[in-house]
Amino acid sequence: MFHVSMLRRYRSDPLHVISQSKIEIQPDMTYNEEQIRILAPLVKILWQHHGVEEATWEPEEAVR
């Protein structure tokens, strides 16, 4: 939650514009995702003495 006093006026910035890409929608309203590249391989770590809900995602090279 936040109070309305925390809002600020938006100032237009060309860097905030997100370019659209064309997506082909199938008749069943789905579309195909295409993988471009893996930016950072992550592994989910279950830490000793912690519950599953406290597991964290860590870079793969950090756990080798």
C-alpha atoms as a PDB file:
ATOM      1  CA  MET A   1       0.000   0.000   0.000  1.00  0.00           C
ATOM      2  CA  PHE A   2       1.027   3.594  -0.461  1.00  0.00           C
ATOM      3  CA  HIS A   3      -0.409   6.995   0.249  1.00  0.00           C
ATOM      4  CA  VAL A   4      -1.427   9.295  -2.581  1.00  0.00           C
ATOM      5  CA  SER A   5       1.116  11.850  -1.325  1.00  0.00           C
ATOM      6  CA  MET A   6       3.878   9.490  -2.508  1.00  0.00           C
ATOM      7  CA  LEU A   7       2.822   9.874  -6.161  1.00  0.00           C
ATOM      8  CA  ARG A   8       4.884  12.092  -8.445  1.00  0.00           C
ATOM      9  CA  ARG A   9       4.075  13.599 -11.814  1.00  0.00           C
ATOM     10  CA  TYR A  10       5.354  11.520 -14.745  1.00  0.00           C
ATOM     11  CA  ARG A  11       7.833  13.251 -17.040  1.00  0.00           C
ATOM     12  CA  SER A  12       7.934  11.857 -20.552  1.00  0.00           C
ATOM     13  CA  ASP A  13      11.221  10.203 -21.502  1.00  0.00           C
ATOM     14  CA  PRO A  14      11.921   8.590 -24.918  1.00  0.00           C
ATOM     15  CA  LEU A  15      13.953   5.893 -23.136  1.00  0.00           C
ATOM     16  CA  HIS A  16      10.761   4.667 -21.454  1.00  0.00           C
ATOM     17  CA  VAL A  17       9.233   3.629 -24.796  1.00  0.00           C
ATOM     18  CA  ILE A  18       9.095  -0.136 -25.235  1.00  0.00           C
ATOM     19  CA  SER A  19       9.224  -1.312 -28.818  1.00  0.00           C
ATOM     20  CA  GLN A  20       6.496  -3.697 -29.864  1.00  0.00           C
ATOM     21  CA  SER A  21       7.270  -6.998 -31.490  1.00  0.00           C
ATOM     22  CA  LYS A  22       4.854  -8.808 -33.739  1.00  0.00           C
ATOM     23  CA  ILE A  23       3.374 -11.909 -32.127  1.00  0.00           C
ATOM     24  CA  GLU A  24       1.336 -14.427 -34.081  1.00  0.00           C
ATOM     25  CA  ILE A  25      -1.670 -15.427 -32.016  1.00  0.00           C
ATOM     26  CA  GLN A  26      -3.026 -18.914 -32.713  1.00  0.00           C
ATOM     27  CA  PRO A  27      -6.790 -19.527 -33.067  1.00  0.00           C
ATOM     28  CA  ASP A  28      -6.802 -20.957 -29.510  1.00  0.00           C
ATOM     29  CA  MET A  29      -5.343 -17.630 -28.251  1.00  0.00           C
ATOM     30  CA  THR A  30      -1.846 -19.042 -27.593  1.00  0.00           C
ATOM     31  CA  TYR A  31       1.496 -18.090 -29.071  1.00  0.00           C
ATOM     32  CA  ASN A  32       4.922 -19.702 -29.397  1.00  0.00           C
ATOM     33  CA  GLU A  33       7.768 -18.496 -27.209  1.00  0.00           C
ATOM     34  CA  GLU A  34      11.264 -18.447 -28.700  1.00  0.00           C
ATOM     35  CA  GLN A  35      14.351 -18.702 -26.551  1.00  0.00           C
ATOM     36  CA  ILE A  36      17.017 -16.204 -27.579  1.00  0.00           C
ATOM     37  CA  ARG A  37      19.791 -17.071 -25.124  1.00  0.00           C
ATOM     38  CA  ILE A  38      20.405 -17.979 -21.499  1.00  0.00           C
ATOM     39  CA  LEU A  39      21.498 -14.823 -19.696  1.00  0.00           C
ATOM     40  CA  ALA A  40      22.289 -16.330 -16.318  1.00  0.00           C
ATOM     41  CA  PRO A  41      21.817 -19.999 -15.463  1.00  0.00           C
ATOM     42  CA  LEU A  42      20.310 -20.269 -11.992  1.00  0.00           C
ATOM     43  CA  VAL A  43      19.792 -23.191  -9.653  1.00  0.00           C
ATOM     44  CA  LYS A  44      17.416 -23.329  -6.708  1.00  0.00           C
ATOM     45  CA  ILE A  45      19.311 -23.968  -3.465  1.00  0.00           C
ATOM     46  CA  LEU A  46      17.810 -25.556  -0.363  1.00  0.00           C
ATOM     47  CA  TRP A  47      19.954 -24.360   2.528  1.00  0.00           C
ATOM     48  CA  GLN A  48      20.821 -26.571   5.491  1.00  0.00           C
ATOM     49  CA  HIS A  49      18.711 -25.812   8.571  1.00  0.00           C
ATOM     50  CA  HIS A  50      16.118 -23.933   6.468  1.00  0.00           C
ATOM     51  CA  GLY A  51      12.725 -24.898   5.119  1.00  0.00           C
ATOM     52  CA  VAL A  52      11.787 -25.278   1.463  1.00  0.00           C
ATOM     53  CA  GLU A  53      10.039 -21.892   1.537  1.00  0.00           C
ATOM     54  CA  GLU A  54      13.426 -20.279   2.252  1.00  0.00           C
ATOM     55  CA  ALA A  55      15.162 -21.809  -0.796  1.00  0.00           C
ATOM     56  CA  THR A  56      16.808 -19.220  -3.046  1.00  0.00           C
ATOM     57  CA  TRP A  57      17.782 -18.937  -6.705  1.00  0.00           C
ATOM     58  CA  GLU A  58      21.570 -18.597  -7.068  1.00  0.00           C
ATOM     59  CA  PRO A  59      23.906 -18.315 -10.084  1.00  0.00           C
ATOM     60  CA  GLU A  60      25.071 -21.773 -11.125  1.00  0.00           C
ATOM     61  CA  GLU A  61      28.776 -20.848 -10.992  1.00  0.00           C
ATOM     62  CA  ALA A  62      28.416 -19.720  -7.358  1.00  0.00           C
ATOM     63  CA  VAL A  63      27.549 -23.232  -6.166  1.00  0.00           C
ATOM     64  CA  ARG A  64      30.292 -25.183  -7.896  1.00  0.00           C
END
